[in-house]
Structure formats: structure tokens, C-alpha cells
Amino acid sequence: MKINEVAKMFNVSTSTLRYYESEGLLGPINRVNGVREFTKKDLERLDFIICTKNCGMTITEIKNFIQLYQRGNETIPSRLTILKRQLSKSEKQLRTLQQSIDHLKDKIVDVQNLSATADKQNLRN
């Protein structure tokens, strides 16, 4: 796949893909006549990068994880620790976000009730 297709597929910009490559997160991506050609393996790596970034990992943390991965199976315990730590952080963020969402829903109901009360008062006047 070419870079434009990959960018659309993952809803990222082509400059983001180039940045990931320049940072060593992807690739090096094979080129055919100077045009990047992403392989299935590249797409799987990109999917991991985007997933972990969406979960709050920094580029530096992702880069560190990938470097550990490239060193082989002896780094499995370290990689598991990193992923479990990030999962715990993400779950905490999700709980906090859910509490905020629930609070907003309650406020919406409160405002809707105020609106209904105000409408009834206006009808009486």
C-alpha cells in the first residue's frame, strides 16, 4: 500500500507516517522507485503504534517498547510490564472519564428539568 492509502486507512496524515518512520517506530519502509510501499507487517506495527498512542503512551515510550521487541524474547517480561502498566493507566483514565460523562448526563437532566419548569411558569403568566 502507498502512503496516502495507509494514511486514509488509519485516519492519520502522511506527515505523521513519515514522522513515525523518521523516529524509528516504523520501517524503514520499502520504497519502489522512491515511493513508500507499506507491507502487512508495517500496517500491523502502525496499528500497534496508534493503539498505544491512543491509550496515552508517549512516542518515547512506544519507541522504547519497540526497541525491546526488536531485542527478542528475553525482553518479554519487560514488555509485559510496560503493557500492563499502560493498561492500568488507561483503565483509570476510562473510569475518570466515565464519572465525568455520568456527571454531565446528570447536569443535562437538571437543566432540562429547569427548562420544563420555566416553560410551565411562562405558560401561567
Protein backbone atom coordinates (compact mmCIF):
# COMPACT_ATOMS: atom_id res chain seq x y z
CA MET A 1 0.00 0.00 0.00
CA LYS A 2 1.10 3.52 -0.69
CA ILE A 3 1.40 6.19 1.99
CA ASN A 4 -1.83 8.01 1.01
CA GLU A 5 -3.82 4.80 1.26
CA VAL A 6 -2.30 3.96 4.63
CA ALA A 7 -2.95 7.47 5.93
CA LYS A 8 -6.63 7.19 4.98
CA MET A 9 -6.89 3.68 6.39
CA PHE A 10 -5.60 4.76 9.80
CA ASN A 11 -7.01 8.29 9.73
CA VAL A 12 -3.62 9.93 10.15
CA SER A 13 -1.69 12.36 7.99
CA THR A 14 1.08 11.32 5.65
CA SER A 15 3.41 13.59 7.63
CA THR A 16 2.58 11.58 10.76
CA LEU A 17 3.58 8.39 8.96
CA ARG A 18 6.82 9.98 7.80
CA TYR A 19 7.47 11.19 11.35
CA TYR A 20 6.93 7.68 12.77
CA GLU A 21 9.37 6.35 10.22
CA SER A 22 11.96 9.05 10.97
CA GLU A 23 11.66 8.29 14.70
CA GLY A 24 12.31 4.61 14.08
CA LEU A 25 8.83 3.49 15.07
CA LEU A 26 8.12 2.24 11.56
CA GLY A 27 10.35 0.78 9.00
CA PRO A 28 12.42 1.53 7.31
CA ILE A 29 9.60 1.35 4.80
CA ASN A 30 10.48 -0.30 1.49
CA ARG A 31 10.49 2.03 -1.47
CA VAL A 32 9.72 1.22 -5.07
CA ASN A 33 11.02 3.94 -7.40
CA GLY A 34 11.20 6.24 -4.38
CA VAL A 35 7.58 5.61 -3.35
CA ARG A 36 6.90 4.07 0.06
CA GLU A 37 5.26 0.66 -0.14
CA PHE A 38 3.80 -0.46 3.20
CA THR A 39 3.68 -4.19 3.88
CA LYS A 40 1.27 -6.13 6.07
CA LYS A 41 3.94 -6.12 8.79
CA ASP A 42 4.23 -2.31 8.54
CA LEU A 43 0.46 -1.99 8.88
CA GLU A 44 0.44 -4.23 11.94
CA ARG A 45 3.19 -2.14 13.52
CA LEU A 46 1.31 1.05 12.70
CA ASP A 47 -1.86 -0.38 14.24
CA PHE A 48 0.10 -1.06 17.46
CA ILE A 49 1.63 2.44 17.45
CA ILE A 50 -1.75 4.13 17.04
CA CYS A 51 -3.39 1.89 19.63
CA THR A 52 -0.76 2.56 22.28
CA LYS A 53 -0.66 6.27 21.44
CA ASN A 54 -4.45 6.44 21.82
CA CYS A 55 -4.05 4.79 25.21
CA GLY A 56 -1.71 7.56 26.32
CA MET A 57 1.76 6.18 25.65
CA THR A 58 4.26 8.78 24.52
CA ILE A 59 6.34 8.42 21.38
CA THR A 60 9.37 7.85 23.61
CA GLU A 61 7.58 5.05 25.48
CA ILE A 62 6.42 3.42 22.25
CA LYS A 63 9.92 3.70 20.83
CA ASN A 64 11.33 2.05 23.95
CA PHE A 65 8.80 -0.78 23.67
CA ILE A 66 9.65 -1.36 20.01
CA GLN A 67 13.37 -1.41 20.80
CA LEU A 68 12.72 -4.04 23.46
CA TYR A 69 10.63 -6.04 20.99
CA GLN A 70 13.45 -5.94 18.45
CA ARG A 71 15.86 -7.38 21.02
CA GLY A 72 13.87 -10.60 21.12
CA ASN A 73 12.17 -12.92 23.55
CA GLU A 74 14.42 -12.14 26.52
CA THR A 75 12.57 -8.82 26.79
CA ILE A 76 9.12 -10.39 27.11
CA PRO A 77 8.90 -9.74 30.89
CA SER A 78 9.81 -6.08 30.40
CA ARG A 79 7.33 -5.70 27.57
CA LEU A 80 4.57 -7.29 29.61
CA THR A 81 5.30 -4.91 32.47
CA ILE A 82 5.08 -1.90 30.15
CA LEU A 83 1.82 -3.05 28.58
CA LYS A 84 0.21 -3.94 31.92
CA ARG A 85 1.25 -0.58 33.38
CA GLN A 86 -0.25 1.25 30.40
CA LEU A 87 -3.44 -0.81 30.61
CA SER A 88 -3.80 0.10 34.28
CA LYS A 89 -3.31 3.81 33.48
CA SER A 90 -5.80 3.62 30.61
CA GLU A 91 -8.41 1.87 32.74
CA LYS A 92 -8.03 4.56 35.42
CA GLN A 93 -8.47 7.27 32.77
CA LEU A 94 -11.54 5.45 31.47
CA ARG A 95 -13.09 5.34 34.96
CA THR A 96 -12.41 9.05 35.42
CA LEU A 97 -13.89 9.83 32.02
CA GLN A 98 -16.96 7.68 32.76
CA GLN A 99 -17.51 9.56 36.02
CA SER A 100 -17.33 12.85 34.13
CA ILE A 101 -19.76 11.59 31.49
CA ASP A 102 -22.18 10.45 34.19
CA HIS A 103 -21.90 13.86 35.86
CA LEU A 104 -22.63 15.64 32.57
CA LYS A 105 -25.68 13.44 31.99
CA ASP A 106 -26.98 14.36 35.45
CA LYS A 107 -26.44 18.06 34.70
CA ILE A 108 -28.28 17.73 31.40
CA VAL A 109 -31.26 16.25 33.22
CA ASP A 110 -31.11 19.08 35.79
CA VAL A 111 -31.07 21.74 33.07
CA GLN A 112 -33.86 20.02 31.14
CA ASN A 113 -35.95 19.98 34.34
CA LEU A 114 -35.23 23.68 34.89
CA SER A 115 -36.26 24.37 31.31
CA ALA A 116 -39.51 22.46 31.73
CA THR A 117 -40.26 24.33 34.97
CA ALA A 118 -39.53 27.67 33.30
CA ASP A 119 -41.79 26.77 30.37
CA LYS A 120 -44.66 25.94 32.77
CA GLN A 121 -44.18 29.24 34.58
CA ASN A 122 -44.21 31.13 31.30
CA LEU A 123 -47.49 29.47 30.32
CA ARG A 124 -49.09 30.60 33.60
CA ASN A 125 -48.05 34.20 33.04
